[in-house]
Structures are given as structure tokens and as C-alpha cells.
Amino acid sequence: MIKATVKKTVAVKKPSASRAKAVAPRRRRRIRQTLDRFVVIATNLSSVPRDTSGWTAELTRNNTTITADFDDFGVARFATIPTLTTVSYILRIRDDSGTVLTTRTVPANREVYVARF
């Protein structure tokens, strides 16, 4: 009896082009832009910035009051309060004649507070 040796061939799959892309997806870097000081933005109820020339914003905590002036575009920057805030504040916004327009409570852990009124 004669025995013949038989070689087995194994088929190797080549990865398809779509599979190659799925193997190594590019991750997008998340850009974190943070503000270094606490900011208040004054808007109307439609989220349009108010004309705030001459206005001031006051933050009160216990017996300490910190004041910042608004620019013409509705933004007040508190130069002495770093972000994220660690405590809550009471915010009062006054117009150029000193009349209180709104009083709000600003919670802790904020960079920006948008006052809509």
C-alpha cells in the first residue's frame, strides 16, 4: 500500500479596509477652556446681553461684599474670586443710579453665572 502525504492549506483572511479603520479609531482631544476669575453675564429673558454701562455687580458672602463693574456688553469680571467658586454667594445687580435690579443666589462650583432678568 502506498501512502501519499497531503498538505493542508489554510486560507488567511486579509482585513478589509473598513475593519482596519475600526481597529484604530482616532480619539478627539477634548479642549477644556476655563476662566481664571468668576464672571457674571447680564442678559434679558431671551438671553440677549443687556447694555450695562455704569452698572455694578455685588457678591456677598457672610459680611463680605465684593463689587465689580460691568462693561458695555453685559459682562462683569470679579478679579479677586478664582474659579471654580468654593462657596455660594448672593448676587445683586445695580444700575447706574444704584437701584437694585435683581438679586440671585449663585451656587458653588461655578466659573460663570448668567443672570437672566
Protein backbone atom coordinates (compact mmCIF):
# COMPACT_ATOMS: atom_id res chain seq x y z
CA MET A 1 0.00 0.00 0.00
CA ILE A 2 1.32 3.41 -0.93
CA LYS A 3 0.58 6.40 1.27
CA ALA A 4 0.67 9.86 -0.17
CA THR A 5 1.31 12.85 2.01
CA VAL A 6 -1.30 15.52 1.70
CA LYS A 7 -0.56 19.10 2.67
CA LYS A 8 -3.37 21.15 4.09
CA THR A 9 -3.57 24.77 3.09
CA VAL A 10 -5.16 27.24 5.43
CA ALA A 11 -6.78 30.33 3.98
CA VAL A 12 -5.77 33.55 5.74
CA LYS A 13 -8.27 36.38 5.69
CA LYS A 14 -6.94 39.81 4.88
CA PRO A 15 -8.53 42.55 6.95
CA SER A 16 -10.89 44.64 4.91
CA ALA A 17 -10.36 48.37 4.61
CA SER A 18 -13.36 49.16 6.79
CA ARG A 19 -12.19 46.80 9.50
CA ALA A 20 -8.71 48.33 9.52
CA LYS A 21 -10.24 51.72 10.24
CA ALA A 22 -12.37 50.30 13.01
CA VAL A 23 -9.35 48.84 14.74
CA ALA A 24 -7.58 52.14 15.35
CA PRO A 25 -10.09 54.98 15.72
CA ARG A 26 -8.67 58.42 16.33
CA ARG A 27 -9.77 59.94 19.57
CA ARG A 28 -10.58 63.60 19.57
CA ARG A 29 -8.96 65.59 22.29
CA ARG A 30 -11.38 67.43 24.46
CA ILE A 31 -10.36 71.04 24.79
CA ARG A 32 -11.10 72.42 28.21
CA GLN A 33 -11.18 76.15 28.25
CA THR A 34 -11.55 77.55 31.72
CA LEU A 35 -11.84 81.06 33.02
CA ASP A 36 -9.45 82.05 35.78
CA ARG A 37 -11.81 84.52 37.50
CA PHE A 38 -15.54 84.49 38.25
CA VAL A 39 -17.71 86.22 35.62
CA VAL A 40 -21.33 87.42 35.70
CA ILE A 41 -23.26 87.97 32.46
CA ALA A 42 -26.42 90.08 32.50
CA THR A 43 -29.00 89.17 29.84
CA ASN A 44 -32.68 89.67 29.20
CA LEU A 45 -35.07 86.71 29.25
CA SER A 46 -34.23 85.97 25.60
CA SER A 47 -30.52 85.61 26.53
CA VAL A 48 -29.53 88.81 24.72
CA PRO A 49 -26.83 90.72 26.64
CA ARG A 50 -28.03 93.95 28.21
CA ASP A 51 -26.49 97.37 27.76
CA THR A 52 -24.90 97.62 31.19
CA SER A 53 -22.74 100.73 31.04
CA GLY A 54 -22.44 102.13 34.56
CA TRP A 55 -23.90 99.01 36.22
CA THR A 56 -22.25 97.13 39.07
CA ALA A 57 -22.47 93.58 40.38
CA GLU A 58 -22.08 92.76 44.08
CA LEU A 59 -21.30 89.36 45.52
CA THR A 60 -21.99 88.94 49.23
CA ARG A 61 -20.88 86.11 51.49
CA ASN A 62 -21.45 86.49 55.25
CA ASN A 63 -20.34 90.10 55.93
CA THR A 64 -18.00 90.42 52.94
CA THR A 65 -19.10 92.26 49.79
CA ILE A 66 -17.10 92.29 46.56
CA THR A 67 -18.02 94.67 43.73
CA ALA A 68 -17.24 94.55 40.01
CA ASP A 69 -18.20 96.94 37.22
CA PHE A 70 -20.00 95.76 34.10
CA ASP A 71 -18.63 96.57 30.66
CA ASP A 72 -20.90 97.76 27.85
CA PHE A 73 -21.66 94.18 26.78
CA GLY A 74 -23.18 92.82 29.98
CA VAL A 75 -20.08 91.18 31.49
CA ALA A 76 -18.68 91.76 34.99
CA ARG A 77 -15.38 90.09 35.98
CA PHE A 78 -14.52 89.65 39.65
CA ALA A 79 -10.73 89.93 39.74
CA THR A 80 -10.42 88.60 43.31
CA ILE A 81 -12.57 85.46 43.03
CA PRO A 82 -10.80 82.49 41.44
CA THR A 83 -12.79 79.73 39.74
CA LEU A 84 -14.29 77.27 40.40
CA THR A 85 -16.01 79.02 43.28
CA THR A 86 -15.95 77.05 46.51
CA VAL A 87 -18.89 78.71 48.27
CA SER A 88 -22.26 80.14 47.31
CA TYR A 89 -22.80 83.90 47.01
CA ILE A 90 -25.68 86.35 46.91
CA LEU A 91 -25.53 88.40 43.70
CA ARG A 92 -27.04 91.88 43.42
CA ILE A 93 -27.01 93.79 40.15
CA ARG A 94 -27.39 97.57 40.38
CA ASP A 95 -27.97 100.05 37.58
CA ASP A 96 -26.07 103.32 37.16
CA SER A 97 -28.33 105.11 39.67
CA GLY A 98 -27.76 102.46 42.36
CA THR A 99 -31.16 100.78 42.13
CA VAL A 100 -31.08 97.03 42.71
CA LEU A 101 -32.37 95.36 39.53
CA THR A 102 -32.13 91.73 40.61
CA THR A 103 -30.93 89.58 43.49
CA ARG A 104 -29.90 85.97 42.86
CA THR A 105 -28.15 83.15 44.70
CA VAL A 106 -25.04 81.89 42.91
CA PRO A 107 -24.28 78.26 43.80
CA ALA A 108 -20.77 76.95 44.45
CA ASN A 109 -18.58 75.33 41.75
CA ARG A 110 -19.18 77.95 39.06
CA GLU A 111 -16.99 79.83 36.58
CA VAL A 112 -19.78 81.91 35.08
CA TYR A 113 -23.22 82.94 36.19
CA VAL A 114 -25.78 84.16 33.66
CA ALA A 115 -28.35 86.46 35.27
CA ARG A 116 -31.48 86.50 33.13
CA PHE A 117 -33.95 89.22 34.09
